[in-house]
Amino acid sequence: MDAIETVYTLPLVAKKLGEDEGWLWEISCEMTPEDGCLGIIGLNDEYTVAFTEAGIEHLAELVAIHKADTGRLLPLHLDS
């Protein structure tokens, strides 16, 4: 595995994929660091997730899976 040089925050990835940030947050809970999803802790223990380029690809695959299987859709996405 190559060294990670850049990660992308959830809001940026949501904009790039054209998806709801909250919905992607829920889907990202299925991902691990090996999938390219990292937890970032900031000041005052603020927490966000970030994705490697491979992580964005994996997340996009999960989005497609969730959209294809309406039984898997999470409530936050039903209005889209």
Protein backbone atom coordinates (compact mmCIF):
# COMPACT_ATOMS: atom_id res chain seq x y z
CA MET A 1 0.00 0.00 0.00
CA ASP A 2 1.28 3.43 -0.92
CA ALA A 3 1.62 6.12 1.73
CA ILE A 4 -1.44 8.34 2.08
CA GLU A 5 -0.63 11.86 0.99
CA THR A 6 -4.06 13.46 0.82
CA VAL A 7 -7.46 12.91 2.42
CA TYR A 8 -10.74 14.61 1.57
CA THR A 9 -13.29 15.71 4.17
CA LEU A 10 -16.85 14.46 4.18
CA PRO A 11 -18.39 17.80 3.09
CA LEU A 12 -16.08 17.93 0.07
CA VAL A 13 -16.79 14.31 -0.86
CA ALA A 14 -20.55 14.87 -0.50
CA LYS A 15 -20.32 17.82 -2.88
CA LYS A 16 -18.17 15.83 -5.32
CA LEU A 17 -20.59 12.87 -5.31
CA GLY A 18 -23.70 15.07 -5.28
CA GLU A 19 -25.07 13.28 -2.22
CA ASP A 20 -26.40 14.29 1.18
CA GLU A 21 -23.60 14.65 3.72
CA GLY A 22 -25.61 13.05 6.54
CA TRP A 23 -26.48 10.07 4.38
CA LEU A 24 -22.85 9.57 3.39
CA TRP A 25 -21.86 9.78 7.06
CA GLU A 26 -24.23 6.88 7.79
CA ILE A 27 -22.91 4.85 4.86
CA SER A 28 -19.31 5.54 5.83
CA CYS A 29 -19.95 3.71 9.13
CA GLU A 30 -19.70 0.52 7.04
CA MET A 31 -16.15 1.43 6.04
CA THR A 32 -12.82 0.77 7.76
CA PRO A 33 -9.41 2.40 7.43
CA GLU A 34 -8.51 -0.38 4.98
CA ASP A 35 -11.41 0.89 2.83
CA GLY A 36 -9.92 4.39 2.83
CA CYS A 37 -12.08 5.97 5.54
CA LEU A 38 -10.25 7.70 8.38
CA GLY A 39 -11.42 9.36 11.57
CA ILE A 40 -10.00 12.83 12.15
CA ILE A 41 -9.98 14.34 15.63
CA GLY A 42 -9.48 18.07 16.05
CA LEU A 43 -9.59 20.68 18.78
CA ASN A 44 -12.12 20.07 21.54
CA ASP A 45 -12.39 16.46 20.36
CA GLU A 46 -14.24 17.51 17.19
CA TYR A 47 -14.59 14.42 15.01
CA THR A 48 -15.04 14.13 11.29
CA VAL A 49 -14.33 11.52 8.68
CA ALA A 50 -12.06 11.85 5.70
CA PHE A 51 -11.45 9.66 2.71
CA THR A 52 -8.49 8.71 0.62
CA GLU A 53 -8.98 8.62 -3.16
CA ALA A 54 -9.56 4.87 -2.89
CA GLY A 55 -12.00 5.58 -0.07
CA ILE A 56 -14.03 7.91 -2.27
CA GLU A 57 -14.25 5.16 -4.89
CA HIS A 58 -15.33 2.65 -2.25
CA LEU A 59 -17.90 5.07 -0.85
CA ALA A 60 -19.28 5.66 -4.36
CA GLU A 61 -19.66 1.88 -4.75
CA LEU A 62 -21.55 1.71 -1.45
CA VAL A 63 -23.82 4.55 -2.61
CA ALA A 64 -24.62 2.57 -5.76
CA ILE A 65 -25.33 -0.56 -3.69
CA HIS A 66 -27.65 1.36 -1.36
CA LYS A 67 -29.49 2.96 -4.27
CA ALA A 68 -29.87 -0.37 -6.09
CA ASP A 69 -31.23 -2.15 -3.00
CA THR A 70 -34.03 0.06 -1.68
CA GLY A 71 -34.26 -2.20 1.37
CA ARG A 72 -30.86 -0.86 2.40
CA LEU A 73 -31.71 2.83 1.98
CA LEU A 74 -31.17 4.75 5.16
CA PRO A 75 -33.92 7.17 6.29
CA LEU A 76 -31.82 10.28 5.64
CA HIS A 77 -31.78 9.50 1.92
CA LEU A 78 -35.47 8.85 1.33
CA ASP A 79 -36.17 12.47 0.40
CA SER A 80 -33.56 12.57 -2.41
